[in-house]
PDB file of N, CA and C in Angstrom:
ATOM      1  N   UNK A   1       0.842  -1.177   0.000  1.00  0.00           N
ATOM      2  CA  UNK A   1       0.000   0.000   0.000  1.00  0.00           C
ATOM      3  C   UNK A   1       0.883   1.235   0.000  1.00  0.00           C
ATOM      4  N   UNK A   2       0.494   2.223  -0.774  1.00  0.00           N
ATOM      5  CA  UNK A   2       1.232   3.481  -0.848  1.00  0.00           C
ATOM      6  C   UNK A   2       0.971   4.298   0.403  1.00  0.00           C
ATOM      7  N   UNK A   3       2.021   4.909   0.926  1.00  0.00           N
ATOM      8  CA  UNK A   3       1.878   5.781   2.081  1.00  0.00           C
ATOM      9  C   UNK A   3       2.278   7.187   1.694  1.00  0.00           C
ATOM     10  N   UNK A   4       1.441   8.160   2.068  1.00  0.00           N
ATOM     11  CA  UNK A   4       1.756   9.568   1.828  1.00  0.00           C
ATOM     12  C   UNK A   4       2.443  10.114   3.066  1.00  0.00           C
ATOM     13  N   UNK A   5       3.626  10.628   2.881  1.00  0.00           N
ATOM     14  CA  UNK A   5       4.366  11.204   4.000  1.00  0.00           C
ATOM     15  C   UNK A   5       4.986  12.507   3.560  1.00  0.00           C
ATOM     16  N   UNK A   6       5.323  13.317   4.539  1.00  0.00           N
ATOM     17  CA  UNK A   6       6.013  14.560   4.229  1.00  0.00           C
ATOM     18  C   UNK A   6       5.251  15.412   3.252  1.00  0.00           C
ATOM     19  N   UNK A   7       5.906  15.806   2.158  1.00  0.00           N
ATOM     20  CA  UNK A   7       5.320  16.709   1.188  1.00  0.00           C
ATOM     21  C   UNK A   7       4.541  16.021   0.087  1.00  0.00           C
ATOM     22  N   UNK A   8       4.362  14.697   0.171  1.00  0.00           N
ATOM     23  CA  UNK A   8       3.632  13.984  -0.871  1.00  0.00           C
ATOM     24  C   UNK A   8       2.172  14.396  -0.902  1.00  0.00           C
ATOM     25  N   UNK A   9       1.608  14.401  -2.082  1.00  0.00           N
ATOM     26  CA  UNK A   9       0.205  14.717  -2.242  1.00  0.00           C
ATOM     27  C   UNK A   9      -0.643  13.499  -1.865  1.00  0.00           C
ATOM     28  N   UNK A  10      -1.762  13.750  -1.229  1.00  0.00           N
ATOM     29  CA  UNK A  10      -2.703  12.693  -0.873  1.00  0.00           C
ATOM     30  C   UNK A  10      -3.814  12.703  -1.905  1.00  0.00           C
ATOM     31  N   UNK A  11      -4.091  11.573  -2.494  1.00  0.00           N
ATOM     32  CA  UNK A  11      -5.117  11.480  -3.530  1.00  0.00           C
ATOM     33  C   UNK A  11      -6.403  10.878  -2.970  1.00  0.00           C
ATOM     34  N   UNK A  12      -7.495  11.103  -3.679  1.00  0.00           N
ATOM     35  CA  UNK A  12      -8.747  10.461  -3.297  1.00  0.00           C
ATOM     36  C   UNK A  12      -8.621   8.946  -3.392  1.00  0.00           C
ATOM     37  N   UNK A  13      -7.868   8.464  -4.371  1.00  0.00           N
ATOM     38  CA  UNK A  13      -7.676   7.016  -4.508  1.00  0.00           C
ATOM     39  C   UNK A  13      -6.957   6.436  -3.295  1.00  0.00           C
ATOM     40  N   UNK A  14      -5.966   7.145  -2.781  1.00  0.00           N
ATOM     41  CA  UNK A  14      -5.264   6.674  -1.585  1.00  0.00           C
ATOM     42  C   UNK A  14      -6.210   6.652  -0.388  1.00  0.00           C
ATOM     43  N   UNK A  15      -7.004   7.692  -0.234  1.00  0.00           N
ATOM     44  CA  UNK A  15      -7.967   7.726   0.871  1.00  0.00           C
ATOM     45  C   UNK A  15      -9.004   6.615   0.733  1.00  0.00           C
ATOM     46  N   UNK A  16      -9.446   6.374  -0.492  1.00  0.00           N
ATOM     47  CA  UNK A  16     -10.405   5.293  -0.743  1.00  0.00           C
ATOM     48  C   UNK A  16      -9.803   3.949  -0.344  1.00  0.00           C
ATOM     49  N   UNK A  17      -8.571   3.737  -0.744  1.00  0.00           N
ATOM     50  CA  UNK A  17      -7.864   2.495  -0.412  1.00  0.00           C
ATOM     51  C   UNK A  17      -7.713   2.344   1.105  1.00  0.00           C
ATOM     52  N   UNK A  18      -7.306   3.406   1.763  1.00  0.00           N
ATOM     53  CA  UNK A  18      -7.087   3.363   3.215  1.00  0.00           C
ATOM     54  C   UNK A  18      -8.390   3.129   3.975  1.00  0.00           C
ATOM     55  N   UNK A  19      -9.476   3.809   3.568  1.00  0.00           N
ATOM     56  CA  UNK A  19     -10.739   3.629   4.282  1.00  0.00           C
ATOM     57  C   UNK A  19     -11.317   2.236   4.046  1.00  0.00           C
ATOM     58  N   UNK A  20     -11.162   1.713   2.848  1.00  0.00           N
ATOM     59  CA  UNK A  20     -11.637   0.362   2.557  1.00  0.00           C
ATOM     60  C   UNK A  20     -10.857  -0.666   3.377  1.00  0.00           C
ATOM     61  N   UNK A  21      -9.552  -0.493   3.441  1.00  0.00           N
ATOM     62  CA  UNK A  21      -8.711  -1.405   4.220  1.00  0.00           C
ATOM     63  C   UNK A  21      -9.056  -1.315   5.713  1.00  0.00           C
ATOM     64  N   UNK A  22      -9.237  -0.113   6.204  1.00  0.00           N
ATOM     65  CA  UNK A  22      -9.587   0.109   7.601  1.00  0.00           C
ATOM     66  C   UNK A  22     -10.886  -0.621   7.954  1.00  0.00           C
ATOM     67  N   UNK A  23     -11.905  -0.474   7.103  1.00  0.00           N
ATOM     68  CA  UNK A  23     -13.192  -1.128   7.341  1.00  0.00           C
ATOM     69  C   UNK A  23     -13.068  -2.648   7.266  1.00  0.00           C
ATOM     70  N   UNK A  24     -12.329  -3.132   6.282  1.00  0.00           N
ATOM     71  CA  UNK A  24     -12.180  -4.581   6.114  1.00  0.00           C
ATOM     72  C   UNK A  24     -11.471  -5.211   7.306  1.00  0.00           C
ATOM     73  N   UNK A  25     -10.415  -4.562   7.793  1.00  0.00           N
ATOM     74  CA  UNK A  25      -9.653  -5.081   8.937  1.00  0.00           C
ATOM     75  C   UNK A  25     -10.514  -5.205  10.191  1.00  0.00           C
ATOM     76  N   UNK A  26     -11.559  -4.410  10.277  1.00  0.00           N
ATOM     77  CA  UNK A  26     -12.427  -4.412  11.453  1.00  0.00           C
ATOM     78  C   UNK A  26     -13.761  -5.115  11.204  1.00  0.00           C
ATOM     79  N   UNK A  27     -13.915  -5.705  10.016  1.00  0.00           N
ATOM     80  CA  UNK A  27     -15.148  -6.367   9.620  1.00  0.00           C
ATOM     81  C   UNK A  27     -16.340  -5.406   9.660  1.00  0.00           C
ATOM     82  N   UNK A  28     -16.108  -4.171   9.236  1.00  0.00           N
ATOM     83  CA  UNK A  28     -17.153  -3.148   9.241  1.00  0.00           C
ATOM     84  C   UNK A  28     -17.878  -3.034   7.910  1.00  0.00           C
ATOM     85  N   UNK A  29     -17.437  -3.749   6.884  1.00  0.00           N
ATOM     86  CA  UNK A  29     -18.114  -3.657   5.585  1.00  0.00           C
ATOM     87  C   UNK A  29     -19.600  -3.968   5.719  1.00  0.00           C
ATOM     88  N   UNK A  30     -19.931  -4.871   6.625  1.00  0.00           N
ATOM     89  CA  UNK A  30     -21.325  -5.255   6.816  1.00  0.00           C
ATOM     90  C   UNK A  30     -22.199  -4.078   7.263  1.00  0.00           C
ATOM     91  N   UNK A  31     -21.592  -3.072   7.868  1.00  0.00           N
ATOM     92  CA  UNK A  31     -22.329  -1.908   8.356  1.00  0.00           C
ATOM     93  C   UNK A  31     -22.273  -0.720   7.392  1.00  0.00           C
ATOM     94  N   UNK A  32     -21.431  -0.823   6.365  1.00  0.00           N
ATOM     95  CA  UNK A  32     -21.199   0.308   5.473  1.00  0.00           C
ATOM     96  C   UNK A  32     -22.127   0.301   4.265  1.00  0.00           C
ATOM     97  N   UNK A  33     -23.411   0.384   4.562  1.00  0.00           N
ATOM     98  CA  UNK A  33     -24.391   0.561   3.481  1.00  0.00           C
ATOM     99  C   UNK A  33     -24.412   2.044   3.126  1.00  0.00           C
ATOM    100  N   UNK A  34     -24.872   2.386   1.925  1.00  0.00           N
ATOM    101  CA  UNK A  34     -24.954   3.810   1.582  1.00  0.00           C
ATOM    102  C   UNK A  34     -25.733   4.622   2.618  1.00  0.00           C
ATOM    103  N   UNK A  35     -26.858   4.098   3.078  1.00  0.00           N
ATOM    104  CA  UNK A  35     -27.668   4.822   4.068  1.00  0.00           C
ATOM    105  C   UNK A  35     -26.891   5.054   5.360  1.00  0.00           C
ATOM    106  N   UNK A  36     -26.277   4.012   5.886  1.00  0.00           N
ATOM    107  CA  UNK A  36     -25.538   4.151   7.144  1.00  0.00           C
ATOM    108  C   UNK A  36     -24.382   5.130   7.007  1.00  0.00           C
ATOM    109  N   UNK A  37     -23.683   5.062   5.896  1.00  0.00           N
ATOM    110  CA  UNK A  37     -22.558   5.983   5.686  1.00  0.00           C
ATOM    111  C   UNK A  37     -23.047   7.416   5.548  1.00  0.00           C
ATOM    112  N   UNK A  38     -24.168   7.603   4.866  1.00  0.00           N
ATOM    113  CA  UNK A  38     -24.715   8.945   4.731  1.00  0.00           C
ATOM    114  C   UNK A  38     -25.107   9.509   6.098  1.00  0.00           C
ATOM    115  N   UNK A  39     -25.757   8.707   6.910  1.00  0.00           N
ATOM    116  CA  UNK A  39     -26.157   9.180   8.237  1.00  0.00           C
ATOM    117  C   UNK A  39     -24.939   9.500   9.101  1.00  0.00           C
ATOM    118  N   UNK A  40     -23.901   8.689   8.988  1.00  0.00           N
ATOM    119  CA  UNK A  40     -22.665   8.974   9.719  1.00  0.00           C
ATOM    120  C   UNK A  40     -22.036  10.268   9.219  1.00  0.00           C
ATOM    121  N   UNK A  41     -22.069  10.477   7.913  1.00  0.00           N
ATOM    122  CA  UNK A  41     -21.537  11.704   7.317  1.00  0.00           C
ATOM    123  C   UNK A  41     -22.291  12.932   7.832  1.00  0.00           C
ATOM    124  N   UNK A  42     -23.606  12.846   7.878  1.00  0.00           N
ATOM    125  CA  UNK A  42     -24.423  13.952   8.377  1.00  0.00           C
ATOM    126  C   UNK A  42     -24.075  14.244   9.838  1.00  0.00           C
ATOM    127  N   UNK A  43     -23.880  13.203  10.619  1.00  0.00           N
ATOM    128  CA  UNK A  43     -23.481  13.389  12.018  1.00  0.00           C
ATOM    129  C   UNK A  43     -22.160  14.121  12.129  1.00  0.00           C
ATOM    130  N   UNK A  44     -21.217  13.760  11.281  1.00  0.00           N
ATOM    131  CA  UNK A  44     -19.912  14.420  11.302  1.00  0.00           C
ATOM    132  C   UNK A  44     -19.999  15.876  10.835  1.00  0.00           C
ATOM    133  N   UNK A  45     -20.871  16.149   9.869  1.00  0.00           N
ATOM    134  CA  UNK A  45     -21.086  17.536   9.445  1.00  0.00           C
ATOM    135  C   UNK A  45     -21.652  18.336  10.615  1.00  0.00           C
ATOM    136  N   UNK A  46     -22.515  17.714  11.405  1.00  0.00           N
ATOM    137  CA  UNK A  46     -23.040  18.372  12.599  1.00  0.00           C
ATOM    138  C   UNK A  46     -21.928  18.716  13.580  1.00  0.00           C
ATOM    139  N   UNK A  47     -21.008  17.784  13.793  1.00  0.00           N
ATOM    140  CA  UNK A  47     -19.876  18.044  14.690  1.00  0.00           C
ATOM    141  C   UNK A  47     -19.001  19.167  14.140  1.00  0.00           C
ATOM    142  N   UNK A  48     -18.815  19.202  12.847  1.00  0.00           N
ATOM    143  CA  UNK A  48     -18.051  20.269  12.210  1.00  0.00           C
ATOM    144  C   UNK A  48     -18.767  21.610  12.405  1.00  0.00           C
ATOM    145  N   UNK A  49     -20.065  21.605  12.248  1.00  0.00           N
ATOM    146  CA  UNK A  49     -20.848  22.830  12.417  1.00  0.00           C
ATOM    147  C   UNK A  49     -20.744  23.381  13.830  1.00  0.00           C
ATOM    148  N   UNK A  50     -20.691  22.497  14.814  1.00  0.00           N
ATOM    149  CA  UNK A  50     -20.587  22.934  16.208  1.00  0.00           C
ATOM    150  C   UNK A  50     -19.355  23.791  16.452  1.00  0.00           C
ATOM    151  N   UNK A  51     -18.289  23.514  15.743  1.00  0.00           N
ATOM    152  CA  UNK A  51     -17.046  24.265  15.926  1.00  0.00           C
ATOM    153  C   UNK A  51     -17.256  25.737  15.567  1.00  0.00           C
ATOM    154  N   UNK A  52     -18.090  26.004  14.588  1.00  0.00           N
ATOM    155  CA  UNK A  52     -18.321  27.360  14.106  1.00  0.00           C
ATOM    156  C   UNK A  52     -19.572  28.010  14.707  1.00  0.00           C
ATOM    157  N   UNK A  53     -20.373  27.239  15.414  1.00  0.00           N
ATOM    158  CA  UNK A  53     -21.716  27.648  15.800  1.00  0.00           C
ATOM    159  C   UNK A  53     -21.795  29.016  16.466  1.00  0.00           C
ATOM    160  N   UNK A  54     -20.960  29.329  17.411  1.00  0.00           N
ATOM    161  CA  UNK A  54     -21.092  30.581  18.166  1.00  0.00           C
ATOM    162  C   UNK A  54     -19.929  31.529  17.943  1.00  0.00           C
ATOM    163  N   UNK A  55     -19.199  31.346  16.869  1.00  0.00           N
ATOM    164  CA  UNK A  55     -18.018  32.174  16.617  1.00  0.00           C
ATOM    165  C   UNK A  55     -18.303  33.413  15.762  1.00  0.00           C
ATOM    166  N   UNK A  56     -19.470  33.516  15.192  1.00  0.00           N
ATOM    167  CA  UNK A  56     -19.723  34.613  14.263  1.00  0.00           C
ATOM    168  C   UNK A  56     -18.904  34.384  12.999  1.00  0.00           C
ATOM    169  N   UNK A  57     -18.623  35.468  12.285  1.00  0.00           N
ATOM    170  CA  UNK A  57     -17.798  35.345  11.089  1.00  0.00           C
ATOM    171  C   UNK A  57     -16.364  35.007  11.491  1.00  0.00           C
ATOM    172  N   UNK A  58     -15.741  34.158  10.706  1.00  0.00           N
ATOM    173  CA  UNK A  58     -14.387  33.694  10.990  1.00  0.00           C
ATOM    174  C   UNK A  58     -13.471  34.140   9.854  1.00  0.00           C
ATOM    175  N   UNK A  59     -12.337  34.720  10.211  1.00  0.00           N
ATOM    176  CA  UNK A  59     -11.383  35.210   9.212  1.00  0.00           C
ATOM    177  C   UNK A  59     -10.723  34.043   8.474  1.00  0.00           C
ATOM    178  N   UNK A  60     -10.452  34.233   7.202  1.00  0.00           N
ATOM    179  CA  UNK A  60      -9.714  33.225   6.444  1.00  0.00           C
ATOM    180  C   UNK A  60      -8.372  32.989   7.120  1.00  0.00           C
ATOM    181  N   UNK A  61      -7.953  31.744   7.141  1.00  0.00           N
ATOM    182  CA  UNK A  61      -6.677  31.395   7.751  1.00  0.00           C
ATOM    183  C   UNK A  61      -6.761  31.162   9.252  1.00  0.00           C
ATOM    184  N   UNK A  62      -7.883  31.534   9.857  1.00  0.00           N
ATOM    185  CA  UNK A  62      -8.129  31.299  11.286  1.00  0.00           C
ATOM    186  C   UNK A  62      -7.014  31.856  12.175  1.00  0.00           C
ATOM    187  N   UNK A  63      -6.535  33.037  11.816  1.00  0.00           N
ATOM    188  CA  UNK A  63      -5.382  33.626  12.504  1.00  0.00           C
ATOM    189  C   UNK A  63      -5.615  33.853  13.995  1.00  0.00           C
ATOM    190  N   UNK A  64      -6.861  34.022  14.418  1.00  0.00           N
ATOM    191  CA  UNK A  64      -7.127  34.264  15.833  1.00  0.00           C
ATOM    192  C   UNK A  64      -7.556  33.000  16.588  1.00  0.00           C
ATOM    193  N   UNK A  65      -7.414  31.847  15.968  1.00  0.00           N
ATOM    194  CA  UNK A  65      -7.774  30.591  16.623  1.00  0.00           C
ATOM    195  C   UNK A  65      -6.571  30.010  17.362  1.00  0.00           C
ATOM    196  N   UNK A  66      -6.851  29.297  18.446  1.00  0.00           N
ATOM    197  CA  UNK A  66      -5.815  28.546  19.160  1.00  0.00           C
ATOM    198  C   UNK A  66      -5.420  27.344  18.301  1.00  0.00           C
ATOM    199  N   UNK A  67      -4.198  26.919  18.456  1.00  0.00           N
ATOM    200  CA  UNK A  67      -3.700  25.777  17.680  1.00  0.00           C
ATOM    201  C   UNK A  67      -4.552  24.531  17.942  1.00  0.00           C
ATOM    202  N   UNK A  68      -4.944  24.315  19.182  1.00  0.00           N
ATOM    203  CA  UNK A  68      -5.760  23.136  19.514  1.00  0.00           C
ATOM    204  C   UNK A  68      -7.118  23.185  18.813  1.00  0.00           C
ATOM    205  N   UNK A  69      -7.666  24.386  18.618  1.00  0.00           N
ATOM    206  CA  UNK A  69      -8.933  24.519  17.880  1.00  0.00           C
ATOM    207  C   UNK A  69      -8.745  24.192  16.404  1.00  0.00           C
ATOM    208  N   UNK A  70      -7.607  24.584  15.853  1.00  0.00           N
ATOM    209  CA  UNK A  70      -7.301  24.258  14.454  1.00  0.00           C
ATOM    210  C   UNK A  70      -7.119  22.750  14.277  1.00  0.00           C
ATOM    211  N   UNK A  71      -6.467  22.117  15.239  1.00  0.00           N
ATOM    212  CA  UNK A  71      -6.284  20.662  15.177  1.00  0.00           C
ATOM    213  C   UNK A  71      -7.642  19.972  15.222  1.00  0.00           C
ATOM    214  N   UNK A  72      -8.512  20.423  16.126  1.00  0.00           N
ATOM    215  CA  UNK A  72      -9.857  19.854  16.235  1.00  0.00           C
ATOM    216  C   UNK A  72     -10.629  20.035  14.930  1.00  0.00           C
ATOM    217  N   UNK A  73     -10.535  21.224  14.345  1.00  0.00           N
ATOM    218  CA  UNK A  73     -11.185  21.477  13.058  1.00  0.00           C
ATOM    219  C   UNK A  73     -10.666  20.511  11.998  1.00  0.00           C
ATOM    220  N   UNK A  74      -9.360  20.313  11.945  1.00  0.00           N
ATOM    221  CA  UNK A  74      -8.778  19.377  10.982  1.00  0.00           C
ATOM    222  C   UNK A  74      -9.300  17.962  11.161  1.00  0.00           C
ATOM    223  N   UNK A  75      -9.485  17.558  12.411  1.00  0.00           N
ATOM    224  CA  UNK A  75     -10.012  16.217  12.686  1.00  0.00           C
ATOM    225  C   UNK A  75     -11.445  16.078  12.184  1.00  0.00           C
ATOM    226  N   UNK A  76     -12.264  17.092  12.440  1.00  0.00           N
ATOM    227  CA  UNK A  76     -13.668  17.022  12.010  1.00  0.00           C
ATOM    228  C   UNK A  76     -13.793  17.125  10.492  1.00  0.00           C
ATOM    229  N   UNK A  77     -12.995  17.983   9.872  1.00  0.00           N
ATOM    230  CA  UNK A  77     -12.978  18.050   8.405  1.00  0.00           C
ATOM    231  C   UNK A  77     -12.564  16.695   7.824  1.00  0.00           C
ATOM    232  N   UNK A  78     -11.592  16.061   8.459  1.00  0.00           N
ATOM    233  CA  UNK A  78     -11.125  14.749   7.995  1.00  0.00           C
ATOM    234  C   UNK A  78     -12.214  13.696   8.119  1.00  0.00           C
ATOM    235  N   UNK A  79     -12.953  13.721   9.230  1.00  0.00           N
ATOM    236  CA  UNK A  79     -14.059  12.765   9.391  1.00  0.00           C
ATOM    237  C   UNK A  79     -15.066  12.917   8.251  1.00  0.00           C
ATOM    238  N   UNK A  80     -15.417  14.158   7.921  1.00  0.00           N
ATOM    239  CA  UNK A  80     -16.369  14.409   6.840  1.00  0.00           C
ATOM    240  C   UNK A  80     -15.807  13.886   5.518  1.00  0.00           C
ATOM    241  N   UNK A  81     -14.557  14.210   5.238  1.00  0.00           N
ATOM    242  CA  UNK A  81     -13.938  13.769   3.989  1.00  0.00           C
ATOM    243  C   UNK A  81     -13.886  12.246   3.901  1.00  0.00           C
ATOM    244  N   UNK A  82     -13.479  11.598   4.967  1.00  0.00           N
ATOM    245  CA  UNK A  82     -13.338  10.138   4.931  1.00  0.00           C
ATOM    246  C   UNK A  82     -14.676   9.445   4.746  1.00  0.00           C
ATOM    247  N   UNK A  83     -15.718   9.921   5.406  1.00  0.00           N
ATOM    248  CA  UNK A  83     -17.037   9.331   5.180  1.00  0.00           C
ATOM    249  C   UNK A  83     -17.525   9.592   3.761  1.00  0.00           C
ATOM    250  N   UNK A  84     -17.260  10.767   3.219  1.00  0.00           N
ATOM    251  CA  UNK A  84     -17.658  11.081   1.847  1.00  0.00           C
ATOM    252  C   UNK A  84     -16.931  10.177   0.845  1.00  0.00           C
ATOM    253  N   UNK A  85     -15.654   9.979   1.053  1.00  0.00           N
ATOM    254  CA  UNK A  85     -14.869   9.096   0.173  1.00  0.00           C
ATOM    255  C   UNK A  85     -15.381   7.662   0.276  1.00  0.00           C
ATOM    256  N   UNK A  86     -15.661   7.214   1.492  1.00  0.00           N
ATOM    257  CA  UNK A  86     -16.158   5.845   1.688  1.00  0.00           C
ATOM    258  C   UNK A  86     -17.533   5.672   1.045  1.00  0.00           C
ATOM    259  N   UNK A  87     -18.409   6.658   1.228  1.00  0.00           N
ATOM    260  CA  UNK A  87     -19.738   6.599   0.636  1.00  0.00           C
ATOM    261  C   UNK A  87     -19.658   6.536  -0.884  1.00  0.00           C
ATOM    262  N   UNK A  88     -18.822   7.367  -1.471  1.00  0.00           N
ATOM    263  CA  UNK A  88     -18.700   7.352  -2.929  1.00  0.00           C
ATOM    264  C   UNK A  88     -18.159   6.011  -3.416  1.00  0.00           C
ATOM    265  N   UNK A  89     -17.216   5.434  -2.679  1.00  0.00           N
ATOM    266  CA  UNK A  89     -16.657   4.128  -3.039  1.00  0.00           C
ATOM    267  C   UNK A  89     -17.737   3.052  -2.992  1.00  0.00           C
ATOM    268  N   UNK A  90     -18.493   3.017  -1.907  1.00  0.00           N
ATOM    269  CA  UNK A  90     -19.538   2.001  -1.747  1.00  0.00           C
ATOM    270  C   UNK A  90     -20.614   2.152  -2.829  1.00  0.00           C
ATOM    271  N   UNK A  91     -20.856   3.401  -3.260  1.00  0.00           N
ATOM    272  CA  UNK A  91     -21.866   3.656  -4.303  1.00  0.00           C
ATOM    273  C   UNK A  91     -21.315   3.490  -5.713  1.00  0.00           C
ATOM    274  N   UNK A  92     -20.005   3.237  -5.836  1.00  0.00           N
ATOM    275  CA  UNK A  92     -19.410   3.050  -7.151  1.00  0.00           C
ATOM    276  C   UNK A  92     -19.257   4.343  -7.931  1.00  0.00           C
ATOM    277  N   UNK A  93     -19.118   5.448  -7.232  1.00  0.00           N
ATOM    278  CA  UNK A  93     -18.950   6.753  -7.868  1.00  0.00           C
ATOM    279  C   UNK A  93     -17.479   7.156  -7.785  1.00  0.00           C
ATOM    280  N   UNK A  94     -16.898   7.521  -8.911  1.00  0.00           N
ATOM    281  CA  UNK A  94     -15.535   8.067  -8.918  1.00  0.00           C
ATOM    282  C   UNK A  94     -15.664   9.528  -8.492  1.00  0.00           C
ATOM    283  N   UNK A  95     -15.381   9.800  -7.232  1.00  0.00           N
ATOM    284  CA  UNK A  95     -15.614  11.114  -6.656  1.00  0.00           C
ATOM    285  C   UNK A  95     -14.791  12.200  -7.339  1.00  0.00           C
ATOM    286  N   UNK A  96     -13.553  11.905  -7.668  1.00  0.00           N
ATOM    287  CA  UNK A  96     -12.718  12.893  -8.350  1.00  0.00           C
ATOM    288  C   UNK A  96     -13.298  13.297  -9.689  1.00  0.00           C
ATOM    289  N   UNK A  97     -13.685  12.305 -10.485  1.00  0.00           N
ATOM    290  CA  UNK A  97     -14.276  12.591 -11.807  1.00  0.00           C
ATOM    291  C   UNK A  97     -15.613  13.308 -11.671  1.00  0.00           C
ATOM    292  N   UNK A  98     -16.414  12.883 -10.701  1.00  0.00           N
ATOM    293  CA  UNK A  98     -17.716  13.531 -10.486  1.00  0.00           C
ATOM    294  C   UNK A  98     -17.530  14.990 -10.074  1.00  0.00           C
ATOM    295  N   UNK A  99     -16.537  15.250  -9.222  1.00  0.00           N
ATOM    296  CA  UNK A  99     -16.282  16.621  -8.766  1.00  0.00           C
ATOM    297  C   UNK A  99     -15.797  17.502  -9.916  1.00  0.00           C
ATOM    298  N   UNK A 100     -14.901  16.969 -10.746  1.00  0.00           N
ATOM    299  CA  UNK A 100     -14.427  17.747 -11.894  1.00  0.00           C
ATOM    300  C   UNK A 100     -15.563  18.031 -12.870  1.00  0.00           C
ATOM    301  N   UNK A 101     -16.416  17.049 -13.078  1.00  0.00           N
ATOM    302  CA  UNK A 101     -17.573  17.253 -13.952  1.00  0.00           C
ATOM    303  C   UNK A 101     -18.462  18.352 -13.386  1.00  0.00           C
ATOM    304  N   UNK A 102     -18.679  18.329 -12.078  1.00  0.00           N
ATOM    305  CA  UNK A 102     -19.528  19.329 -11.431  1.00  0.00           C
ATOM    306  C   UNK A 102     -18.923  20.727 -11.532  1.00  0.00           C
ATOM    307  N   UNK A 103     -17.611  20.844 -11.398  1.00  0.00           N
ATOM    308  CA  UNK A 103     -16.950  22.144 -11.576  1.00  0.00           C
ATOM    309  C   UNK A 103     -17.215  22.669 -12.982  1.00  0.00           C
ATOM    310  N   UNK A 104     -17.127  21.790 -13.972  1.00  0.00           N
ATOM    311  CA  UNK A 104     -17.412  22.186 -15.354  1.00  0.00           C
ATOM    312  C   UNK A 104     -18.848  22.628 -15.542  1.00  0.00           C
ATOM    313  N   UNK A 105     -19.783  21.900 -14.959  1.00  0.00           N
ATOM    314  CA  UNK A 105     -21.196  22.279 -15.044  1.00  0.00           C
ATOM    315  C   UNK A 105     -21.439  23.616 -14.347  1.00  0.00           C
ATOM    316  N   UNK A 106     -20.792  23.827 -13.197  1.00  0.00           N
ATOM    317  CA  UNK A 106     -20.944  25.095 -12.482  1.00  0.00           C
ATOM    318  C   UNK A 106     -20.371  26.258 -13.280  1.00  0.00           C
ATOM    319  N   UNK A 107     -19.296  26.010 -14.021  1.00  0.00           N
ATOM    320  CA  UNK A 107     -18.699  27.061 -14.849  1.00  0.00           C
ATOM    321  C   UNK A 107     -19.673  27.502 -15.939  1.00  0.00           C
ATOM    322  N   UNK A 108     -20.445  26.574 -16.446  1.00  0.00           N
ATOM    323  CA  UNK A 108     -21.454  26.902 -17.453  1.00  0.00           C
ATOM    324  C   UNK A 108     -22.635  27.625 -16.799  1.00  0.00           C
ATOM    325  N   UNK A 109     -23.058  27.124 -15.664  1.00  0.00           N
ATOM    326  CA  UNK A 109     -24.201  27.689 -14.960  1.00  0.00           C
ATOM    327  C   UNK A 109     -23.892  29.077 -14.400  1.00  0.00           C
ATOM    328  N   UNK A 110     -22.663  29.266 -13.923  1.00  0.00           N
ATOM    329  CA  UNK A 110     -22.240  30.530 -13.312  1.00  0.00           C
ATOM    330  C   UNK A 110     -20.994  31.046 -14.022  1.00  0.00           C
ATOM    331  N   UNK A 111     -21.147  31.622 -15.210  1.00  0.00           N
ATOM    332  CA  UNK A 111     -19.983  32.094 -15.960  1.00  0.00           C
ATOM    333  C   UNK A 111     -19.251  33.190 -15.197  1.00  0.00           C
ATOM    334  N   UNK A 112     -17.948  33.311 -15.448  1.00  0.00           N
ATOM    335  CA  UNK A 112     -17.121  34.342 -14.808  1.00  0.00           C
ATOM    336  C   UNK A 112     -17.629  35.725 -15.195  1.00  0.00           C
ATOM    337  N   UNK A 113     -17.334  36.708 -14.356  1.00  0.00           N
ATOM    338  CA  UNK A 113     -17.773  38.086 -14.606  1.00  0.00           C
ATOM    339  C   UNK A 113     -17.382  38.492 -16.023  1.00  0.00           C
ATOM    340  N   UNK A 114     -18.271  39.205 -16.672  1.00  0.00           N
ATOM    341  CA  UNK A 114     -18.022  39.620 -18.049  1.00  0.00           C
ATOM    342  C   UNK A 114     -18.489  38.605 -19.076  1.00  0.00           C
ATOM    343  N   UNK A 115     -18.799  37.392 -18.605  1.00  0.00           N
ATOM    344  CA  UNK A 115     -19.253  36.334 -19.517  1.00  0.00           C
ATOM    345  C   UNK A 115     -20.721  35.999 -19.297  1.00  0.00           C
ATOM    346  N   UNK A 116     -21.373  36.742 -18.415  1.00  0.00           N
ATOM    347  CA  UNK A 116     -22.767  36.491 -18.104  1.00  0.00           C
ATOM    348  C   UNK A 116     -23.050  36.896 -16.685  1.00  0.00           C
ATOM    349  N   UNK A 117     -24.070  36.360 -16.130  1.00  0.00           N
ATOM    350  CA  UNK A 117     -24.515  36.714 -14.796  1.00  0.00           C
ATOM    351  C   UNK A 117     -23.513  36.221 -13.744  1.00  0.00           C
ATOM    352  N   UNK A 118     -23.362  37.005 -12.671  1.00  0.00           N
ATOM    353  CA  UNK A 118     -22.485  36.580 -11.574  1.00  0.00           C
ATOM    354  C   UNK A 118     -23.303  36.191 -10.349  1.00  0.00           C
ATOM    355  N   UNK A 119     -24.613  36.046 -10.517  1.00  0.00           N
ATOM    356  CA  UNK A 119     -25.463  35.662  -9.398  1.00  0.00           C
ATOM    357  C   UNK A 119     -25.214  34.216  -9.013  1.00  0.00           C
ATOM    358  N   UNK A 120     -25.314  33.968  -7.712  1.00  0.00           N
ATOM    359  CA  UNK A 120     -25.250  32.601  -7.213  1.00  0.00           C
ATOM    360  C   UNK A 120     -26.596  32.240  -6.623  1.00  0.00           C
ATOM    361  N   UNK A 121     -26.999  30.986  -6.808  1.00  0.00           N
ATOM    362  CA  UNK A 121     -28.254  30.534  -6.224  1.00  0.00           C
ATOM    363  C   UNK A 121     -28.020  29.385  -5.318  1.00  0.00           C
TER     364      UNK A 121
END
């Protein structure tokens, strides 16, 4: 198995491989139905939301946050990402390709300034 260390880039394929291996080693595949993974993902999004709940607007880069708060945020963001990667794998969706396709569709729907409307919906 490939390991990402140091300055190496982490790919969705590597995360997919790692999450699948993690689940298999623990015999969790039996619990990883699309519905169960989606509900777990929603729960993790809730935990992520709690971090921001009473902070008001937050500056980019989180310059006024404590390091421990940034670490906690990274953990919750990671939980969301890992469940999303696992869900896409179980559903047979190539998440990277789907995301790139969606970026292309959004570019058509929301053309850059000067090329059409800049409204977002």
